[in-house]
C-alpha cells in the first residue's frame, strides 16, 4: 500500500501506520510532505493514498471505497481553547477561533 503522509509526529500518519500494522497490511511511504498542497498533488497524481478527515476531503480527491479493505482510522477530537486576556491579541485569537469553527463542516462548539 503506497502512502502519502505528513512527517512525524502527524496524527493522521500515526493513525494510518498503527491501523495498517494492526491489520498486518504491507505498506510503504511513497511521499511525505508537511504541505497539504503537496500531499494533495501527490494523491491526485496517483502516487498513493492519503489519510485525511472524511468531512474535509480536498477537491479532486475521493474517499477510498470500503471494498478496498483499508482499516478504519477512528475519530480524533481537537480542542480549541481560548484565554480571556483582552486586548488586540485576544481579538485576533477570537477571530481566528471563529474562522476555524465556521470553516469546518464537522466541527462542533462545546461550551
Protein backbone atom coordinates (compact mmCIF):
# COMPACT_ATOMS: atom_id res chain seq x y z
CA UNK A 1 0.00 0.00 0.00
CA UNK A 2 1.70 3.24 -1.10
CA UNK A 3 1.06 6.03 1.41
CA UNK A 4 1.17 9.81 1.25
CA UNK A 5 1.82 11.08 4.76
CA UNK A 6 2.70 14.11 6.80
CA UNK A 7 6.07 13.85 8.57
CA UNK A 8 6.20 12.75 12.20
CA UNK A 9 4.58 13.44 14.60
CA UNK A 10 1.45 13.83 12.42
CA UNK A 11 -1.75 12.38 13.87
CA UNK A 12 -3.00 11.02 10.53
CA UNK A 13 0.42 9.47 9.90
CA UNK A 14 0.47 7.72 13.27
CA UNK A 15 -3.14 6.55 12.95
CA UNK A 16 -2.62 5.19 9.42
CA UNK A 17 0.58 3.31 10.28
CA UNK A 18 -0.86 1.88 13.51
CA UNK A 19 -4.04 0.71 11.77
CA UNK A 20 -2.19 -0.90 8.85
CA UNK A 21 0.26 -2.62 11.22
CA UNK A 22 -2.62 -3.94 13.35
CA UNK A 23 -4.27 -5.32 10.21
CA UNK A 24 -0.99 -6.90 9.09
CA UNK A 25 -1.18 -5.00 5.83
CA UNK A 26 2.01 -4.23 3.90
CA UNK A 27 2.71 -0.55 3.30
CA UNK A 28 5.39 1.82 2.05
CA UNK A 29 5.76 5.56 2.20
CA UNK A 30 5.51 6.94 -1.32
CA UNK A 31 5.55 10.63 -0.41
CA UNK A 32 5.98 12.73 2.73
CA UNK A 33 5.38 16.45 2.98
CA UNK A 34 4.32 18.91 5.65
CA UNK A 35 2.39 20.75 2.92
CA UNK A 36 -1.27 19.85 2.38
CA UNK A 37 -0.97 21.11 -1.21
CA UNK A 38 1.98 18.81 -1.91
CA UNK A 39 0.23 15.80 -0.39
CA UNK A 40 -2.94 16.50 -2.37
CA UNK A 41 -0.90 16.88 -5.57
CA UNK A 42 0.79 13.53 -4.88
CA UNK A 43 -2.60 11.88 -4.33
CA UNK A 44 -4.04 13.45 -7.49
CA UNK A 45 -1.00 12.13 -9.39
CA UNK A 46 -1.83 8.63 -8.15
CA UNK A 47 1.31 8.15 -6.06
CA UNK A 48 -0.63 6.62 -3.18
CA UNK A 49 -3.41 7.04 -0.66
CA UNK A 50 -3.60 9.83 1.88
CA UNK A 51 -5.17 9.64 5.34
CA UNK A 52 -7.41 12.67 5.72
CA UNK A 53 -10.51 13.79 7.58
CA UNK A 54 -13.63 12.35 5.91
CA UNK A 55 -15.58 15.59 6.20
CA UNK A 56 -12.84 17.73 4.70
CA UNK A 57 -11.67 15.75 1.65
CA UNK A 58 -9.86 18.16 -0.68
CA UNK A 59 -11.40 18.86 -4.09
CA UNK A 60 -10.29 16.39 -6.74
CA UNK A 61 -9.92 13.52 -4.26
CA UNK A 62 -12.43 10.88 -3.22
CA UNK A 63 -12.63 8.60 -0.19
CA UNK A 64 -11.24 5.10 -0.71
CA UNK A 65 -14.22 2.74 -1.01
CA UNK A 66 -14.86 0.26 1.81
CA UNK A 67 -14.34 -2.64 -0.61
CA UNK A 68 -10.61 -1.74 -0.67
CA UNK A 69 -10.42 -3.24 2.81
CA UNK A 70 -8.43 -0.45 4.42
CA UNK A 71 -8.79 -0.23 8.20
CA UNK A 72 -10.87 2.50 9.79
CA UNK A 73 -8.66 5.10 11.46
CA UNK A 74 -11.24 6.05 14.06
CA UNK A 75 -12.03 9.53 15.21
CA UNK A 76 -9.82 12.29 16.54
CA UNK A 77 -11.07 15.10 18.71
CA UNK A 78 -9.50 18.54 18.60
CA UNK A 79 -9.91 21.18 21.25
CA UNK A 80 -9.53 24.90 20.72
CA UNK A 81 -9.07 26.73 24.00
CA UNK A 82 -9.31 30.47 24.22
CA UNK A 83 -7.98 32.60 27.02
CA UNK A 84 -9.57 35.76 28.31
CA UNK A 85 -6.70 38.25 28.42
CA UNK A 86 -8.29 41.01 26.38
CA UNK A 87 -6.63 43.47 24.02
CA UNK A 88 -5.81 43.27 20.33
CA UNK A 89 -4.08 39.90 20.58
CA UNK A 90 -7.19 38.38 22.17
CA UNK A 91 -9.40 39.90 19.49
CA UNK A 92 -7.20 38.33 16.80
CA UNK A 93 -7.25 34.97 18.60
CA UNK A 94 -11.06 35.12 18.88
CA UNK A 95 -11.38 35.97 15.17
CA UNK A 96 -9.13 33.03 14.26
CA UNK A 97 -11.12 30.68 16.50
CA UNK A 98 -14.39 31.79 14.88
CA UNK A 99 -12.93 31.31 11.39
CA UNK A 100 -11.76 27.78 12.28
CA UNK A 101 -15.17 26.85 13.70
CA UNK A 102 -17.01 28.38 10.74
CA UNK A 103 -14.80 26.66 8.17
CA UNK A 104 -15.15 23.08 9.40
CA UNK A 105 -18.35 21.33 8.37
CA UNK A 106 -17.87 18.65 11.05
CA UNK A 107 -16.61 20.83 13.89
CA UNK A 108 -18.78 21.28 16.94
CA UNK A 109 -18.72 24.01 19.52
CA UNK A 110 -18.76 22.98 23.16
CA UNK A 111 -19.32 25.45 25.95
